[in-house]
């Protein structure tokens, strides 16, 4: 990419990001995770977006008091900072280390079974723990999957992030589909030919379908459910639990039982709700591990 295609401000921003990532790399995984987590835990709650997180918690978990919500919001920022600090190290993290940096996989039998069976499969998850570890961790068990991708606003920073993700996926690179109509068509064609696709399905989609989430109506993306029902392919739920600095546990669960009522619209509604219910179950276990920073419910609730 030519530097003439981006603004000077973007070049400055990218230079700072490059320096920060280089510093994280030099620190090593534990120190980078601790440093980024601590800095984010201090700065993040001061930012206006933290008010959205607090409001989300009021809507989703009204039993929490202000002190409890504040603690969770700090934890959200710490987890986000750690996730960024760990990004340059994902390609070097080893599986089943006894202590220190590394990761483990619970439920690997479901991945190995799918690798033996072959064919299309959909992986569902959310922005929980270090979600960036899910694709490379799953790939090491024979089931690398493609995923959707929202490009960073700064193309230079986007290039850095993609390079780190590609490095983590070696030697099993997989396609990345841009979010939007074209990417959706490409992903559908990929799954129809037996491809594996992973999706983070926890964010609001205004033109999605309505389903309950934490007891409130929430517009939810139906694409994963629609593809699963169209091709009757397995939907494997999974998420990443943070155990410590750069120490992660990938939890893979049994494939969902796809509804088959004979009514396509009802089946779609049922499966979308199953997905939301599973996400809610994971989030309730450790609320600070989820990214509460986006408006998940109808906009009138945030006034």
C-alpha atoms as a PDB file:
ATOM      1  CA  UNK A   1       0.000   0.000   0.000  1.00  0.00           C
ATOM      2  CA  UNK A   2       1.330   3.437  -0.947  1.00  0.00           C
ATOM      3  CA  UNK A   3       1.652   6.006   1.813  1.00  0.00           C
ATOM      4  CA  UNK A   4       0.152   8.552  -0.584  1.00  0.00           C
ATOM      5  CA  UNK A   5      -3.233   6.829  -0.195  1.00  0.00           C
ATOM      6  CA  UNK A   6      -3.520   7.634   3.506  1.00  0.00           C
ATOM      7  CA  UNK A   7      -3.486  10.907   5.397  1.00  0.00           C
ATOM      8  CA  UNK A   8      -0.562  12.207   7.398  1.00  0.00           C
ATOM      9  CA  UNK A   9      -2.599  11.758  10.579  1.00  0.00           C
ATOM     10  CA  UNK A  10      -3.116   8.087   9.712  1.00  0.00           C
ATOM     11  CA  UNK A  11       0.610   7.668   9.143  1.00  0.00           C
ATOM     12  CA  UNK A  12       1.340   9.158  12.566  1.00  0.00           C
ATOM     13  CA  UNK A  13      -1.305   6.948  14.165  1.00  0.00           C
ATOM     14  CA  UNK A  14       0.107   3.886  12.436  1.00  0.00           C
ATOM     15  CA  UNK A  15       3.631   4.767  13.525  1.00  0.00           C
ATOM     16  CA  UNK A  16       2.507   4.936  17.148  1.00  0.00           C
ATOM     17  CA  UNK A  17       0.651   1.635  16.823  1.00  0.00           C
ATOM     18  CA  UNK A  18       3.679  -0.021  15.246  1.00  0.00           C
ATOM     19  CA  UNK A  19       5.905   1.196  18.060  1.00  0.00           C
ATOM     20  CA  UNK A  20       3.452  -0.009  20.679  1.00  0.00           C
ATOM     21  CA  UNK A  21       3.142  -3.452  19.119  1.00  0.00           C
ATOM     22  CA  UNK A  22       6.930  -3.687  18.872  1.00  0.00           C
ATOM     23  CA  UNK A  23       7.195  -2.797  22.554  1.00  0.00           C
ATOM     24  CA  UNK A  24       4.608  -5.460  23.433  1.00  0.00           C
ATOM     25  CA  UNK A  25       6.577  -7.984  21.400  1.00  0.00           C
ATOM     26  CA  UNK A  26       9.800  -7.124  23.195  1.00  0.00           C
ATOM     27  CA  UNK A  27       8.167  -7.317  26.630  1.00  0.00           C
ATOM     28  CA  UNK A  28       7.131 -10.930  26.166  1.00  0.00           C
ATOM     29  CA  UNK A  29       3.569 -12.244  26.541  1.00  0.00           C
ATOM     30  CA  UNK A  30       3.146 -11.947  30.319  1.00  0.00           C
ATOM     31  CA  UNK A  31       4.614  -8.483  30.762  1.00  0.00           C
ATOM     32  CA  UNK A  32       2.820  -7.191  27.652  1.00  0.00           C
ATOM     33  CA  UNK A  33      -0.501  -8.537  28.937  1.00  0.00           C
ATOM     34  CA  UNK A  34       0.052  -7.076  32.403  1.00  0.00           C
ATOM     35  CA  UNK A  35       1.184  -3.677  31.124  1.00  0.00           C
ATOM     36  CA  UNK A  36      -1.608  -3.271  28.564  1.00  0.00           C
ATOM     37  CA  UNK A  37      -4.215  -4.576  30.985  1.00  0.00           C
ATOM     38  CA  UNK A  38      -3.142  -2.211  33.745  1.00  0.00           C
ATOM     39  CA  UNK A  39      -3.020   0.823  31.444  1.00  0.00           C
ATOM     40  CA  UNK A  40      -6.393   0.042  29.917  1.00  0.00           C
ATOM     41  CA  UNK A  41      -7.956  -0.595  33.336  1.00  0.00           C
ATOM     42  CA  UNK A  42      -6.839   2.880  34.432  1.00  0.00           C
ATOM     43  CA  UNK A  43      -7.669   4.888  31.280  1.00  0.00           C
ATOM     44  CA  UNK A  44     -10.717   3.032  29.915  1.00  0.00           C
ATOM     45  CA  UNK A  45     -13.229   3.851  32.680  1.00  0.00           C
ATOM     46  CA  UNK A  46     -12.514   7.567  32.141  1.00  0.00           C
ATOM     47  CA  UNK A  47     -13.686   7.422  28.520  1.00  0.00           C
ATOM     48  CA  UNK A  48     -17.295   8.338  27.595  1.00  0.00           C
ATOM     49  CA  UNK A  49     -17.937   4.894  26.081  1.00  0.00           C
ATOM     50  CA  UNK A  50     -17.757   3.431  29.578  1.00  0.00           C
ATOM     51  CA  UNK A  51     -21.148   5.010  30.257  1.00  0.00           C
ATOM     52  CA  UNK A  52     -22.569   2.679  27.602  1.00  0.00           C
ATOM     53  CA  UNK A  53     -21.062  -0.301  29.412  1.00  0.00           C
ATOM     54  CA  UNK A  54     -22.587   0.844  32.692  1.00  0.00           C
ATOM     55  CA  UNK A  55     -25.990   1.319  31.068  1.00  0.00           C
ATOM     56  CA  UNK A  56     -25.759  -2.114  29.456  1.00  0.00           C
ATOM     57  CA  UNK A  57     -25.114  -3.644  32.849  1.00  0.00           C
ATOM     58  CA  UNK A  58     -28.094  -1.805  34.316  1.00  0.00           C
ATOM     59  CA  UNK A  59     -30.286  -3.187  31.531  1.00  0.00           C
ATOM     60  CA  UNK A  60     -28.928  -6.737  31.572  1.00  0.00           C
ATOM     61  CA  UNK A  61     -28.196  -7.304  35.246  1.00  0.00           C
ATOM     62  CA  UNK A  62     -30.327  -4.878  37.302  1.00  0.00           C
ATOM     63  CA  UNK A  63     -29.457  -6.754  40.490  1.00  0.00           C
ATOM     64  CA  UNK A  64     -25.964  -5.225  40.416  1.00  0.00           C
ATOM     65  CA  UNK A  65     -25.289  -2.048  42.392  1.00  0.00           C
ATOM     66  CA  UNK A  66     -23.146   0.850  41.193  1.00  0.00           C
ATOM     67  CA  UNK A  67     -19.992  -0.456  42.895  1.00  0.00           C
ATOM     68  CA  UNK A  68     -20.372  -3.880  41.306  1.00  0.00           C
ATOM     69  CA  UNK A  69     -20.953  -2.355  37.874  1.00  0.00           C
ATOM     70  CA  UNK A  70     -17.885  -0.156  38.259  1.00  0.00           C
ATOM     71  CA  UNK A  71     -15.768  -3.198  39.099  1.00  0.00           C
ATOM     72  CA  UNK A  72     -17.042  -5.047  36.037  1.00  0.00           C
ATOM     73  CA  UNK A  73     -16.387  -2.084  33.726  1.00  0.00           C
ATOM     74  CA  UNK A  74     -12.802  -1.888  34.994  1.00  0.00           C
ATOM     75  CA  UNK A  75     -12.485  -5.613  34.323  1.00  0.00           C
ATOM     76  CA  UNK A  76     -13.845  -5.177  30.804  1.00  0.00           C
ATOM     77  CA  UNK A  77     -11.159  -2.625  30.026  1.00  0.00           C
ATOM     78  CA  UNK A  78      -8.442  -4.743  31.614  1.00  0.00           C
ATOM     79  CA  UNK A  79      -9.453  -7.749  29.516  1.00  0.00           C
ATOM     80  CA  UNK A  80      -9.521  -5.619  26.362  1.00  0.00           C
ATOM     81  CA  UNK A  81      -6.067  -4.213  27.118  1.00  0.00           C
ATOM     82  CA  UNK A  82      -4.683  -7.674  27.784  1.00  0.00           C
ATOM     83  CA  UNK A  83      -6.162  -8.920  24.504  1.00  0.00           C
ATOM     84  CA  UNK A  84      -4.332  -6.167  22.607  1.00  0.00           C
ATOM     85  CA  UNK A  85      -1.096  -6.735  24.510  1.00  0.00           C
ATOM     86  CA  UNK A  86      -1.219 -10.450  23.767  1.00  0.00           C
ATOM     87  CA  UNK A  87      -1.918 -10.032  20.046  1.00  0.00           C
ATOM     88  CA  UNK A  88       1.757 -10.059  18.943  1.00  0.00           C
ATOM     89  CA  UNK A  89       2.308 -13.287  20.899  1.00  0.00           C
ATOM     90  CA  UNK A  90      -0.589 -15.479  19.744  1.00  0.00           C
ATOM     91  CA  UNK A  91       1.571 -17.270  17.185  1.00  0.00           C
ATOM     92  CA  UNK A  92       4.074 -18.314  19.868  1.00  0.00           C
ATOM     93  CA  UNK A  93       1.718 -19.489  22.629  1.00  0.00           C
ATOM     94  CA  UNK A  94       2.095 -23.210  23.301  1.00  0.00           C
ATOM     95  CA  UNK A  95      -0.700 -25.617  24.130  1.00  0.00           C
ATOM     96  CA  UNK A  96      -0.957 -27.502  27.428  1.00  0.00           C
ATOM     97  CA  UNK A  97       1.847 -25.733  29.236  1.00  0.00           C
ATOM     98  CA  UNK A  98       1.704 -26.322  32.988  1.00  0.00           C
ATOM     99  CA  UNK A  99       2.093 -22.666  33.960  1.00  0.00           C
ATOM    100  CA  UNK A 100       2.854 -19.261  32.516  1.00  0.00           C
ATOM    101  CA  UNK A 101       1.821 -18.179  29.019  1.00  0.00           C
ATOM    102  CA  UNK A 102      -0.008 -20.716  26.882  1.00  0.00           C
ATOM    103  CA  UNK A 103      -3.425 -22.159  26.213  1.00  0.00           C
ATOM    104  CA  UNK A 104      -5.465 -25.314  26.674  1.00  0.00           C
ATOM    105  CA  UNK A 105      -8.530 -26.670  24.919  1.00  0.00           C
ATOM    106  CA  UNK A 106     -11.466 -28.211  26.752  1.00  0.00           C
ATOM    107  CA  UNK A 107     -13.788 -30.177  24.473  1.00  0.00           C
ATOM    108  CA  UNK A 108     -11.176 -30.860  21.800  1.00  0.00           C
ATOM    109  CA  UNK A 109     -12.992 -34.125  21.047  1.00  0.00           C
ATOM    110  CA  UNK A 110     -15.690 -32.147  19.226  1.00  0.00           C
ATOM    111  CA  UNK A 111     -13.074 -30.577  16.971  1.00  0.00           C
ATOM    112  CA  UNK A 112     -11.357 -33.871  16.294  1.00  0.00           C
ATOM    113  CA  UNK A 113     -14.681 -35.517  15.474  1.00  0.00           C
ATOM    114  CA  UNK A 114     -15.477 -32.757  13.033  1.00  0.00           C
ATOM    115  CA  UNK A 115     -12.020 -33.030  11.448  1.00  0.00           C
ATOM    116  CA  UNK A 116     -12.664 -36.733  10.858  1.00  0.00           C
ATOM    117  CA  UNK A 117     -16.163 -36.193   9.489  1.00  0.00           C
ATOM    118  CA  UNK A 118     -15.275 -33.288   7.233  1.00  0.00           C
ATOM    119  CA  UNK A 119     -17.867 -31.100   5.563  1.00  0.00           C
ATOM    120  CA  UNK A 120     -19.333 -27.726   6.427  1.00  0.00           C
ATOM    121  CA  UNK A 121     -19.347 -26.528  10.031  1.00  0.00           C
ATOM    122  CA  UNK A 122     -20.125 -23.227  11.725  1.00  0.00           C
ATOM    123  CA  UNK A 123     -18.366 -22.076  14.884  1.00  0.00           C
ATOM    124  CA  UNK A 124     -20.208 -19.544  17.069  1.00  0.00           C
ATOM    125  CA  UNK A 125     -18.645 -17.347  19.699  1.00  0.00           C
ATOM    126  CA  UNK A 126     -18.578 -13.808  21.062  1.00  0.00           C
ATOM    127  CA  UNK A 127     -16.163 -11.117  22.212  1.00  0.00           C
ATOM    128  CA  UNK A 128     -15.330 -13.014  25.392  1.00  0.00           C
ATOM    129  CA  UNK A 129     -11.897 -13.384  27.017  1.00  0.00           C
ATOM    130  CA  UNK A 130      -9.198 -13.208  24.343  1.00  0.00           C
ATOM    131  CA  UNK A 131     -11.411 -14.043  21.380  1.00  0.00           C
ATOM    132  CA  UNK A 132      -8.420 -13.618  19.044  1.00  0.00           C
ATOM    133  CA  UNK A 133      -7.043 -16.937  20.337  1.00  0.00           C
ATOM    134  CA  UNK A 134     -10.049 -18.936  19.163  1.00  0.00           C
ATOM    135  CA  UNK A 135      -9.147 -19.301  15.434  1.00  0.00           C
ATOM    136  CA  UNK A 136      -5.493 -20.354  15.895  1.00  0.00           C
ATOM    137  CA  UNK A 137      -6.313 -22.560  18.878  1.00  0.00           C
ATOM    138  CA  UNK A 138      -9.055 -24.420  17.019  1.00  0.00           C
ATOM    139  CA  UNK A 139      -6.874 -24.688  13.906  1.00  0.00           C
ATOM    140  CA  UNK A 140      -4.279 -26.657  15.836  1.00  0.00           C
ATOM    141  CA  UNK A 141      -6.886 -29.394  16.282  1.00  0.00           C
ATOM    142  CA  UNK A 142      -7.458 -29.874  12.586  1.00  0.00           C
ATOM    143  CA  UNK A 143     -10.404 -27.546  12.083  1.00  0.00           C
ATOM    144  CA  UNK A 144      -9.164 -24.161  10.835  1.00  0.00           C
ATOM    145  CA  UNK A 145     -12.048 -21.887   9.933  1.00  0.00           C
ATOM    146  CA  UNK A 146     -12.639 -18.774   7.881  1.00  0.00           C
ATOM    147  CA  UNK A 147     -14.175 -15.741   9.549  1.00  0.00           C
ATOM    148  CA  UNK A 148     -15.769 -12.373   8.973  1.00  0.00           C
ATOM    149  CA  UNK A 149     -13.607  -9.322   9.381  1.00  0.00           C
ATOM    150  CA  UNK A 150     -14.270  -5.628   9.956  1.00  0.00           C
ATOM    151  CA  UNK A 151     -11.330  -3.636   8.642  1.00  0.00           C
ATOM    152  CA  UNK A 152      -9.757  -1.011  10.893  1.00  0.00           C
ATOM    153  CA  UNK A 153     -10.440   2.586   9.784  1.00  0.00           C
ATOM    154  CA  UNK A 154      -6.712   3.175   9.313  1.00  0.00           C
ATOM    155  CA  UNK A 155      -5.524   0.874   6.482  1.00  0.00           C
ATOM    156  CA  UNK A 156      -1.965   0.859   7.800  1.00  0.00           C
ATOM    157  CA  UNK A 157      -3.074  -0.358  11.218  1.00  0.00           C
ATOM    158  CA  UNK A 158      -5.418  -2.792   9.505  1.00  0.00           C
ATOM    159  CA  UNK A 159      -2.434  -4.241   7.667  1.00  0.00           C
ATOM    160  CA  UNK A 160      -0.559  -4.751  10.951  1.00  0.00           C
ATOM    161  CA  UNK A 161      -3.495  -6.514  12.598  1.00  0.00           C
ATOM    162  CA  UNK A 162      -4.046  -8.785   9.620  1.00  0.00           C
ATOM    163  CA  UNK A 163      -0.354  -9.705   9.552  1.00  0.00           C
ATOM    164  CA  UNK A 164      -0.464 -10.700  13.221  1.00  0.00           C
ATOM    165  CA  UNK A 165      -3.609 -12.753  12.681  1.00  0.00           C
ATOM    166  CA  UNK A 166      -2.106 -14.450   9.638  1.00  0.00           C
ATOM    167  CA  UNK A 167       1.038 -15.299  11.601  1.00  0.00           C
ATOM    168  CA  UNK A 168      -1.059 -16.863  14.365  1.00  0.00           C
ATOM    169  CA  UNK A 169      -2.883 -19.059  11.822  1.00  0.00           C
ATOM    170  CA  UNK A 170       0.228 -20.502  10.188  1.00  0.00           C
ATOM    171  CA  UNK A 171       0.600 -23.051   8.660  1.00  0.00           C
ATOM    172  CA  UNK A 172      -3.160 -23.171   8.032  1.00  0.00           C
ATOM    173  CA  UNK A 173      -4.193 -19.758   6.610  1.00  0.00           C
ATOM    174  CA  UNK A 174      -7.926 -19.314   6.059  1.00  0.00           C
ATOM    175  CA  UNK A 175     -10.043 -16.751   4.195  1.00  0.00           C
ATOM    176  CA  UNK A 176     -11.289 -13.555   5.802  1.00  0.00           C
ATOM    177  CA  UNK A 177     -14.614 -12.239   4.514  1.00  0.00           C
ATOM    178  CA  UNK A 178     -15.317  -8.522   4.718  1.00  0.00           C
ATOM    179  CA  UNK A 179     -18.456  -7.639   6.641  1.00  0.00           C
ATOM    180  CA  UNK A 180     -21.208  -6.561   4.288  1.00  0.00           C
ATOM    181  CA  UNK A 181     -23.329  -7.954   1.469  1.00  0.00           C
ATOM    182  CA  UNK A 182     -20.424  -9.070  -0.721  1.00  0.00           C
ATOM    183  CA  UNK A 183     -18.652 -10.808   2.147  1.00  0.00           C
ATOM    184  CA  UNK A 184     -21.875 -12.542   3.132  1.00  0.00           C
ATOM    185  CA  UNK A 185     -22.287 -13.927  -0.390  1.00  0.00           C
ATOM    186  CA  UNK A 186     -18.695 -15.123  -0.449  1.00  0.00           C
ATOM    187  CA  UNK A 187     -19.054 -16.781   2.964  1.00  0.00           C
ATOM    188  CA  UNK A 188     -22.278 -18.506   1.910  1.00  0.00           C
ATOM    189  CA  UNK A 189     -20.573 -19.921  -1.181  1.00  0.00           C
ATOM    190  CA  UNK A 190     -17.627 -21.045   0.961  1.00  0.00           C
ATOM    191  CA  UNK A 191     -19.851 -22.929   3.407  1.00  0.00           C
ATOM    192  CA  UNK A 192     -21.889 -24.449   0.572  1.00  0.00           C
ATOM    193  CA  UNK A 193     -18.699 -26.089  -0.721  1.00  0.00           C
ATOM    194  CA  UNK A 194     -17.858 -27.683   2.623  1.00  0.00           C
ATOM    195  CA  UNK A 195     -15.963 -24.806   4.231  1.00  0.00           C
ATOM    196  CA  UNK A 196     -15.733 -24.067   7.923  1.00  0.00           C
ATOM    197  CA  UNK A 197     -16.767 -20.600   9.109  1.00  0.00           C
ATOM    198  CA  UNK A 198     -16.532 -18.908  12.509  1.00  0.00           C
ATOM    199  CA  UNK A 199     -18.697 -15.993  13.571  1.00  0.00           C
ATOM    200  CA  UNK A 200     -18.820 -13.656  16.566  1.00  0.00           C
ATOM    201  CA  UNK A 201     -22.560 -13.225  16.981  1.00  0.00           C
ATOM    202  CA  UNK A 202     -22.929 -11.004  20.042  1.00  0.00           C
ATOM    203  CA  UNK A 203     -23.330  -7.548  18.505  1.00  0.00           C
ATOM    204  CA  UNK A 204     -26.487  -5.702  17.514  1.00  0.00           C
ATOM    205  CA  UNK A 205     -27.744  -5.875  13.927  1.00  0.00           C
ATOM    206  CA  UNK A 206     -30.453  -3.328  13.244  1.00  0.00           C
ATOM    207  CA  UNK A 207     -31.951  -5.264  10.333  1.00  0.00           C
ATOM    208  CA  UNK A 208     -31.633  -8.628  12.057  1.00  0.00           C
ATOM    209  CA  UNK A 209     -34.322 -10.619  13.829  1.00  0.00           C
ATOM    210  CA  UNK A 210     -35.646  -9.907  17.298  1.00  0.00           C
ATOM    211  CA  UNK A 211     -34.659 -12.350  20.030  1.00  0.00           C
ATOM    212  CA  UNK A 212     -34.387 -12.150  23.787  1.00  0.00           C
ATOM    213  CA  UNK A 213     -30.983 -11.364  25.310  1.00  0.00           C
ATOM    214  CA  UNK A 214     -30.718 -10.989  29.079  1.00  0.00           C
ATOM    215  CA  UNK A 215     -34.508 -10.893  29.162  1.00  0.00           C
ATOM    216  CA  UNK A 216     -34.832  -7.959  26.769  1.00  0.00           C
ATOM    217  CA  UNK A 217     -35.658  -7.813  23.049  1.00  0.00           C
ATOM    218  CA  UNK A 218     -32.460  -7.478  21.028  1.00  0.00           C
ATOM    219  CA  UNK A 219     -32.014  -7.282  17.268  1.00  0.00           C
ATOM    220  CA  UNK A 220     -29.759 -10.193  16.409  1.00  0.00           C
ATOM    221  CA  UNK A 221     -27.869 -11.221  13.280  1.00  0.00           C
ATOM    222  CA  UNK A 222     -29.556 -14.294  11.746  1.00  0.00           C
ATOM    223  CA  UNK A 223     -26.846 -15.236   9.215  1.00  0.00           C
ATOM    224  CA  UNK A 224     -25.268 -18.067  11.189  1.00  0.00           C
ATOM    225  CA  UNK A 225     -28.640 -19.631  12.000  1.00  0.00           C
ATOM    226  CA  UNK A 226     -29.826 -19.256   8.394  1.00  0.00           C
ATOM    227  CA  UNK A 227     -26.709 -20.953   6.996  1.00  0.00           C
ATOM    228  CA  UNK A 228     -26.878 -23.766   9.546  1.00  0.00           C
ATOM    229  CA  UNK A 229     -30.501 -24.504   8.690  1.00  0.00           C
ATOM    230  CA  UNK A 230     -29.970 -24.199   4.949  1.00  0.00           C
ATOM    231  CA  UNK A 231     -27.107 -26.697   4.864  1.00  0.00           C
ATOM    232  CA  UNK A 232     -28.008 -28.649   8.043  1.00  0.00           C
ATOM    233  CA  UNK A 233     -24.400 -28.344   9.141  1.00  0.00           C
ATOM    234  CA  UNK A 234     -23.153 -28.544  12.738  1.00  0.00           C
ATOM    235  CA  UNK A 235     -23.019 -25.398  14.874  1.00  0.00           C
ATOM    236  CA  UNK A 236     -20.212 -25.720  17.418  1.00  0.00           C
ATOM    237  CA  UNK A 237     -20.279 -23.194  20.291  1.00  0.00           C
ATOM    238  CA  UNK A 238     -17.071 -22.099  21.949  1.00  0.00           C
ATOM    239  CA  UNK A 239     -15.407 -19.232  23.772  1.00  0.00           C
ATOM    240  CA  UNK A 240     -12.136 -18.266  25.425  1.00  0.00           C
ATOM    241  CA  UNK A 241     -11.758 -18.061  29.185  1.00  0.00           C
ATOM    242  CA  UNK A 242      -8.925 -15.986  30.587  1.00  0.00           C
ATOM    243  CA  UNK A 243      -6.948 -17.817  33.268  1.00  0.00           C
ATOM    244  CA  UNK A 244      -4.198 -15.229  33.694  1.00  0.00           C
ATOM    245  CA  UNK A 245      -1.803 -13.015  31.721  1.00  0.00           C
ATOM    246  CA  UNK A 246      -1.413 -14.672  28.300  1.00  0.00           C
ATOM    247  CA  UNK A 247      -2.845 -17.875  29.776  1.00  0.00           C
ATOM    248  CA  UNK A 248      -6.089 -18.927  28.116  1.00  0.00           C
ATOM    249  CA  UNK A 249      -8.578 -21.767  28.034  1.00  0.00           C
ATOM    250  CA  UNK A 250     -10.596 -22.455  24.900  1.00  0.00           C
ATOM    251  CA  UNK A 251     -13.887 -24.120  25.809  1.00  0.00           C
ATOM    252  CA  UNK A 252     -15.528 -26.043  22.970  1.00  0.00           C
ATOM    253  CA  UNK A 253     -19.036 -27.379  23.512  1.00  0.00           C
ATOM    254  CA  UNK A 254     -21.103 -30.057  21.818  1.00  0.00           C
ATOM    255  CA  UNK A 255     -22.828 -29.042  18.569  1.00  0.00           C
ATOM    256  CA  UNK A 256     -26.244 -27.457  19.001  1.00  0.00           C
ATOM    257  CA  UNK A 257     -29.314 -29.518  18.229  1.00  0.00           C
ATOM    258  CA  UNK A 258     -30.765 -27.790  15.173  1.00  0.00           C
ATOM    259  CA  UNK A 259     -34.544 -27.254  15.302  1.00  0.00           C
ATOM    260  CA  UNK A 260     -36.616 -29.020  12.685  1.00  0.00           C
ATOM    261  CA  UNK A 261     -40.278 -28.079  13.160  1.00  0.00           C
ATOM    262  CA  UNK A 262     -41.146 -28.074   9.487  1.00  0.00           C
ATOM    263  CA  UNK A 263     -41.582 -24.287   9.604  1.00  0.00           C
ATOM    264  CA  UNK A 264     -38.455 -22.530   8.296  1.00  0.00           C
ATOM    265  CA  UNK A 265     -39.269 -19.204   9.912  1.00  0.00           C
ATOM    266  CA  UNK A 266     -39.928 -20.805  13.277  1.00  0.00           C
ATOM    267  CA  UNK A 267     -36.725 -22.850  13.024  1.00  0.00           C
ATOM    268  CA  UNK A 268     -34.743 -19.667  12.373  1.00  0.00           C
ATOM    269  CA  UNK A 269     -36.306 -17.916  15.359  1.00  0.00           C
ATOM    270  CA  UNK A 270     -35.643 -20.881  17.621  1.00  0.00           C
ATOM    271  CA  UNK A 271     -32.002 -21.236  16.584  1.00  0.00           C
ATOM    272  CA  UNK A 272     -31.262 -17.517  16.929  1.00  0.00           C
ATOM    273  CA  UNK A 273     -32.699 -17.674  20.443  1.00  0.00           C
ATOM    274  CA  UNK A 274     -30.616 -20.746  21.273  1.00  0.00           C
ATOM    275  CA  UNK A 275     -27.509 -18.856  20.235  1.00  0.00           C
ATOM    276  CA  UNK A 276     -28.385 -15.795  22.350  1.00  0.00           C
ATOM    277  CA  UNK A 277     -29.151 -18.029  25.326  1.00  0.00           C
ATOM    278  CA  UNK A 278     -25.766 -19.709  25.062  1.00  0.00           C
ATOM    279  CA  UNK A 279     -23.968 -16.363  24.853  1.00  0.00           C
ATOM    280  CA  UNK A 280     -25.848 -15.083  27.894  1.00  0.00           C
ATOM    281  CA  UNK A 281     -24.927 -18.223  29.815  1.00  0.00           C
ATOM    282  CA  UNK A 282     -21.217 -17.683  29.116  1.00  0.00           C
ATOM    283  CA  UNK A 283     -21.314 -13.967  29.917  1.00  0.00           C
ATOM    284  CA  UNK A 284     -23.084 -14.450  33.248  1.00  0.00           C
ATOM    285  CA  UNK A 285     -20.284 -16.746  34.426  1.00  0.00           C
ATOM    286  CA  UNK A 286     -17.792 -13.877  34.255  1.00  0.00           C
ATOM    287  CA  UNK A 287     -19.379 -10.572  33.157  1.00  0.00           C
ATOM    288  CA  UNK A 288     -16.091  -8.666  33.018  1.00  0.00           C
ATOM    289  CA  UNK A 289     -14.857 -11.005  30.289  1.00  0.00           C
ATOM    290  CA  UNK A 290     -17.397  -9.693  27.731  1.00  0.00           C
ATOM    291  CA  UNK A 291     -17.093  -6.506  25.685  1.00  0.00           C
ATOM    292  CA  UNK A 292     -19.989  -4.463  27.111  1.00  0.00           C
ATOM    293  CA  UNK A 293     -18.949  -1.322  25.215  1.00  0.00           C
ATOM    294  CA  UNK A 294     -21.457  -1.359  22.346  1.00  0.00           C
ATOM    295  CA  UNK A 295     -25.196  -0.615  22.378  1.00  0.00           C
ATOM    296  CA  UNK A 296     -26.753  -4.069  22.290  1.00  0.00           C
ATOM    297  CA  UNK A 297     -30.404  -3.143  22.916  1.00  0.00           C
ATOM    298  CA  UNK A 298     -32.851  -0.699  21.257  1.00  0.00           C
ATOM    299  CA  UNK A 299     -31.509   2.847  21.105  1.00  0.00           C
ATOM    300  CA  UNK A 300     -34.414   4.325  23.063  1.00  0.00           C
ATOM    301  CA  UNK A 301     -33.178   2.473  26.168  1.00  0.00           C
ATOM    302  CA  UNK A 302     -29.978   4.577  26.138  1.00  0.00           C
ATOM    303  CA  UNK A 303     -31.679   7.980  26.336  1.00  0.00           C
END
